[in-house]
Amino acid sequence: MHVLGRINESCILGNMSTDENNLSTSEYKFTFRETGSTLTSERHFSATTPEVAKEMFEFACRKDEVSVDEVDIAVWNRWADRWDQVSSLEEVSGSH
């Protein structure tokens, strides 16, 4: 019996909607300074949008009990081989 011949695409992919199939991830870099420190740090997250990356960053800060100031966010532009600042930083960064 040849089982692989019976597996169809919907069985492999499940019931994902076309929106879920079209989501691509980007790498986001958060450059920040811990409250009371003069040193800057970076954290990187792969996410589908800057908002999702922000949620991941905020979760990591809460988990590690880190209070941060001066947060900058950039997205990796793989076509230009550089980091591009996220223009809507006010919408993305919030109090932690």
N, C-alpha and C. Protein backbone atom coordinates (compact mmCIF):
# COMPACT_ATOMS: atom_id res chain seq x y z
N MET A 1 0.85 -1.17 0.00
CA MET A 1 0.00 0.00 0.00
C MET A 1 0.89 1.24 0.00
N HIS A 2 0.61 2.18 -0.88
CA HIS A 2 1.40 3.40 -1.01
C HIS A 2 0.64 4.53 -0.32
N VAL A 3 0.99 4.82 0.94
CA VAL A 3 0.26 5.80 1.75
C VAL A 3 0.49 7.22 1.27
N LEU A 4 1.72 7.55 0.87
CA LEU A 4 2.01 8.92 0.47
C LEU A 4 1.16 9.38 -0.71
N GLY A 5 0.77 8.48 -1.56
CA GLY A 5 -0.07 8.85 -2.69
C GLY A 5 -1.45 9.31 -2.27
N ARG A 6 -1.86 8.97 -1.08
CA ARG A 6 -3.19 9.33 -0.59
C ARG A 6 -3.21 10.65 0.18
N ILE A 7 -2.07 11.19 0.52
CA ILE A 7 -2.03 12.46 1.26
C ILE A 7 -2.21 13.59 0.26
N ASN A 8 -3.18 14.42 0.52
CA ASN A 8 -3.40 15.55 -0.39
C ASN A 8 -2.92 16.84 0.26
N GLU A 9 -2.92 17.90 -0.49
CA GLU A 9 -2.39 19.18 -0.02
C GLU A 9 -3.14 19.70 1.19
N SER A 10 -4.45 19.58 1.23
CA SER A 10 -5.20 20.10 2.37
C SER A 10 -4.88 19.32 3.64
N CYS A 11 -4.50 18.09 3.52
CA CYS A 11 -4.12 17.29 4.68
C CYS A 11 -2.78 17.79 5.23
N ILE A 12 -1.87 18.15 4.37
CA ILE A 12 -0.56 18.62 4.79
C ILE A 12 -0.66 20.05 5.34
N LEU A 13 -1.36 20.92 4.64
CA LEU A 13 -1.44 22.31 5.03
C LEU A 13 -2.51 22.58 6.08
N GLY A 14 -3.41 21.67 6.28
CA GLY A 14 -4.49 21.91 7.21
C GLY A 14 -5.52 22.83 6.59
N ASN A 15 -6.26 23.49 7.42
CA ASN A 15 -7.30 24.39 6.95
C ASN A 15 -6.89 25.85 7.11
N MET A 16 -5.69 26.19 6.72
CA MET A 16 -5.23 27.57 6.86
C MET A 16 -5.93 28.44 5.83
N SER A 17 -6.28 29.66 6.26
CA SER A 17 -6.89 30.59 5.32
C SER A 17 -5.82 31.17 4.41
N THR A 18 -6.24 31.82 3.34
CA THR A 18 -5.27 32.39 2.42
C THR A 18 -4.50 33.52 3.09
N ASP A 19 -5.10 34.25 4.04
CA ASP A 19 -4.39 35.30 4.77
C ASP A 19 -3.23 34.70 5.55
N GLU A 20 -3.45 33.56 6.20
CA GLU A 20 -2.39 32.92 6.97
C GLU A 20 -1.29 32.41 6.06
N ASN A 21 -1.64 31.98 4.87
CA ASN A 21 -0.64 31.47 3.93
C ASN A 21 0.25 32.59 3.40
N ASN A 22 -0.27 33.82 3.33
CA ASN A 22 0.47 34.93 2.73
C ASN A 22 1.29 35.73 3.74
N LEU A 23 1.23 35.41 5.02
CA LEU A 23 1.99 36.15 6.02
C LEU A 23 3.47 35.79 5.93
N SER A 24 4.30 36.80 5.86
CA SER A 24 5.73 36.56 5.87
C SER A 24 6.31 37.23 7.11
N THR A 25 7.39 36.67 7.60
CA THR A 25 7.99 37.23 8.80
C THR A 25 9.18 38.10 8.43
N SER A 26 9.43 39.06 9.27
CA SER A 26 10.59 39.94 9.14
C SER A 26 11.33 39.92 10.47
N GLU A 27 12.58 40.28 10.44
CA GLU A 27 13.35 40.37 11.68
C GLU A 27 13.30 41.81 12.17
N TYR A 28 12.93 41.97 13.44
CA TYR A 28 12.85 43.28 14.08
C TYR A 28 13.91 43.37 15.16
N LYS A 29 14.57 44.52 15.21
CA LYS A 29 15.61 44.76 16.21
C LYS A 29 15.16 45.88 17.13
N PHE A 30 15.14 45.59 18.42
CA PHE A 30 14.82 46.58 19.44
C PHE A 30 16.12 46.98 20.12
N THR A 31 16.46 48.26 20.02
CA THR A 31 17.62 48.81 20.71
C THR A 31 17.06 49.63 21.87
N PHE A 32 17.52 49.33 23.09
CA PHE A 32 16.92 49.97 24.25
C PHE A 32 17.96 50.15 25.34
N ARG A 33 17.58 50.97 26.30
CA ARG A 33 18.40 51.21 27.47
C ARG A 33 17.57 50.84 28.69
N GLU A 34 18.12 49.98 29.56
CA GLU A 34 17.42 49.65 30.79
C GLU A 34 17.37 50.90 31.65
N THR A 35 16.23 51.08 32.35
CA THR A 35 16.06 52.22 33.22
C THR A 35 17.19 52.26 34.25
N GLY A 36 17.85 53.42 34.35
CA GLY A 36 18.94 53.59 35.30
C GLY A 36 20.30 53.17 34.77
N SER A 37 20.37 52.71 33.53
CA SER A 37 21.64 52.27 32.96
C SER A 37 22.06 53.20 31.83
N THR A 38 23.36 53.25 31.58
CA THR A 38 23.87 54.04 30.46
C THR A 38 24.17 53.17 29.25
N LEU A 39 24.13 51.85 29.43
CA LEU A 39 24.43 50.92 28.33
C LEU A 39 23.18 50.60 27.53
N THR A 40 23.35 50.43 26.22
CA THR A 40 22.23 50.01 25.39
C THR A 40 22.33 48.52 25.11
N SER A 41 21.18 47.91 24.89
CA SER A 41 21.09 46.49 24.58
C SER A 41 20.23 46.31 23.35
N GLU A 42 20.28 45.11 22.79
CA GLU A 42 19.45 44.77 21.63
C GLU A 42 18.74 43.45 21.88
N ARG A 43 17.53 43.36 21.34
CA ARG A 43 16.81 42.09 21.28
C ARG A 43 16.22 41.99 19.89
N HIS A 44 16.23 40.78 19.36
CA HIS A 44 15.74 40.54 18.00
C HIS A 44 14.55 39.59 18.06
N PHE A 45 13.55 39.86 17.23
CA PHE A 45 12.36 39.03 17.14
C PHE A 45 11.95 38.88 15.68
N SER A 46 11.49 37.70 15.32
CA SER A 46 10.89 37.47 14.01
C SER A 46 9.39 37.56 14.18
N ALA A 47 8.76 38.41 13.38
CA ALA A 47 7.31 38.62 13.51
C ALA A 47 6.73 39.03 12.17
N THR A 48 5.41 38.95 12.08
CA THR A 48 4.72 39.30 10.84
C THR A 48 4.47 40.80 10.71
N THR A 49 4.40 41.52 11.84
CA THR A 49 4.17 42.97 11.82
C THR A 49 4.95 43.62 12.95
N PRO A 50 5.17 44.94 12.86
CA PRO A 50 5.84 45.63 13.98
C PRO A 50 5.04 45.51 15.28
N GLU A 51 3.72 45.48 15.18
CA GLU A 51 2.88 45.38 16.36
C GLU A 51 3.09 44.04 17.08
N VAL A 52 3.19 42.97 16.31
CA VAL A 52 3.44 41.64 16.90
C VAL A 52 4.83 41.61 17.53
N ALA A 53 5.81 42.21 16.86
CA ALA A 53 7.17 42.27 17.40
C ALA A 53 7.17 43.05 18.71
N LYS A 54 6.42 44.14 18.77
CA LYS A 54 6.31 44.95 19.98
C LYS A 54 5.73 44.13 21.13
N GLU A 55 4.68 43.36 20.84
CA GLU A 55 4.08 42.51 21.88
C GLU A 55 5.10 41.50 22.39
N MET A 56 5.89 40.92 21.50
CA MET A 56 6.90 39.95 21.91
C MET A 56 7.97 40.62 22.77
N PHE A 57 8.40 41.83 22.38
CA PHE A 57 9.40 42.57 23.14
C PHE A 57 8.88 42.90 24.53
N GLU A 58 7.64 43.40 24.60
CA GLU A 58 7.05 43.74 25.89
C GLU A 58 6.91 42.50 26.78
N PHE A 59 6.53 41.38 26.20
CA PHE A 59 6.41 40.14 26.96
C PHE A 59 7.78 39.74 27.54
N ALA A 60 8.82 39.80 26.71
CA ALA A 60 10.17 39.44 27.17
C ALA A 60 10.63 40.37 28.30
N CYS A 61 10.30 41.65 28.19
CA CYS A 61 10.68 42.60 29.24
C CYS A 61 9.95 42.28 30.55
N ARG A 62 8.65 41.99 30.46
CA ARG A 62 7.88 41.62 31.67
C ARG A 62 8.43 40.34 32.28
N LYS A 63 8.68 39.35 31.44
CA LYS A 63 9.17 38.05 31.91
C LYS A 63 10.50 38.19 32.63
N ASP A 64 11.38 39.00 32.07
CA ASP A 64 12.71 39.20 32.66
C ASP A 64 12.73 40.33 33.70
N GLU A 65 11.56 40.93 33.94
CA GLU A 65 11.43 42.03 34.90
C GLU A 65 12.41 43.16 34.59
N VAL A 66 12.41 43.57 33.33
CA VAL A 66 13.30 44.63 32.85
C VAL A 66 12.44 45.85 32.50
N SER A 67 12.79 46.98 33.09
CA SER A 67 12.15 48.24 32.75
C SER A 67 13.07 48.97 31.77
N VAL A 68 12.53 49.46 30.66
CA VAL A 68 13.36 50.03 29.61
C VAL A 68 12.98 51.46 29.27
N ASP A 69 13.95 52.19 28.77
CA ASP A 69 13.78 53.56 28.26
C ASP A 69 14.38 53.62 26.87
N GLU A 70 14.03 54.67 26.14
CA GLU A 70 14.63 54.95 24.83
C GLU A 70 14.64 53.75 23.91
N VAL A 71 13.48 53.25 23.58
CA VAL A 71 13.37 52.08 22.71
C VAL A 71 13.30 52.53 21.25
N ASP A 72 14.17 51.97 20.42
CA ASP A 72 14.13 52.18 18.97
C ASP A 72 13.88 50.83 18.32
N ILE A 73 13.10 50.85 17.24
CA ILE A 73 12.81 49.60 16.54
C ILE A 73 13.19 49.76 15.07
N ALA A 74 13.81 48.70 14.55
CA ALA A 74 14.20 48.68 13.14
C ALA A 74 13.81 47.32 12.56
N VAL A 75 13.60 47.30 11.27
CA VAL A 75 13.26 46.06 10.57
C VAL A 75 14.36 45.78 9.55
N TRP A 76 14.73 44.51 9.43
CA TRP A 76 15.78 44.13 8.49
C TRP A 76 15.24 44.15 7.07
N ASN A 77 15.88 44.93 6.22
CA ASN A 77 15.54 45.01 4.80
C ASN A 77 16.51 44.10 4.07
N ARG A 78 16.10 42.88 3.83
CA ARG A 78 17.03 41.90 3.25
C ARG A 78 17.41 42.23 1.82
N TRP A 79 16.59 42.99 1.12
CA TRP A 79 16.90 43.33 -0.27
C TRP A 79 17.98 44.39 -0.33
N ALA A 80 17.98 45.32 0.63
CA ALA A 80 18.99 46.38 0.66
C ALA A 80 20.13 46.05 1.63
N ASP A 81 20.01 44.94 2.36
CA ASP A 81 21.04 44.49 3.29
C ASP A 81 21.33 45.55 4.36
N ARG A 82 20.23 46.06 5.00
CA ARG A 82 20.39 47.09 6.02
C ARG A 82 19.18 47.09 6.97
N TRP A 83 19.35 47.75 8.11
CA TRP A 83 18.26 47.95 9.05
C TRP A 83 17.54 49.24 8.70
N ASP A 84 16.22 49.21 8.60
CA ASP A 84 15.41 50.40 8.34
C ASP A 84 14.61 50.71 9.60
N GLN A 85 14.63 51.98 10.01
CA GLN A 85 13.86 52.39 11.17
C GLN A 85 12.37 52.21 10.88
N VAL A 86 11.62 51.76 11.88
CA VAL A 86 10.18 51.66 11.75
C VAL A 86 9.64 53.06 11.98
N SER A 87 8.91 53.59 11.00
CA SER A 87 8.50 54.99 11.03
C SER A 87 7.45 55.30 12.09
N SER A 88 6.62 54.33 12.43
CA SER A 88 5.55 54.59 13.40
C SER A 88 5.96 54.13 14.79
N LEU A 89 7.12 54.60 15.25
CA LEU A 89 7.66 54.16 16.53
C LEU A 89 6.71 54.51 17.68
N GLU A 90 6.03 55.64 17.61
CA GLU A 90 5.10 56.03 18.68
C GLU A 90 4.00 55.00 18.85
N GLU A 91 3.53 54.43 17.75
CA GLU A 91 2.49 53.40 17.81
C GLU A 91 3.05 52.08 18.32
N VAL A 92 4.32 51.81 18.02
CA VAL A 92 4.91 50.52 18.34
C VAL A 92 5.44 50.48 19.77
N SER A 93 6.15 51.52 20.21
CA SER A 93 6.73 51.48 21.55
C SER A 93 5.76 52.07 22.55
N GLY A 94 5.66 51.42 23.69
CA GLY A 94 4.80 51.89 24.76
C GLY A 94 5.55 51.80 26.06
N SER A 95 4.87 52.13 27.14
CA SER A 95 5.54 52.02 28.43
C SER A 95 5.64 50.56 28.81
N HIS A 96 6.74 50.19 29.43
CA HIS A 96 6.99 48.79 29.79
C HIS A 96 6.98 48.66 31.28
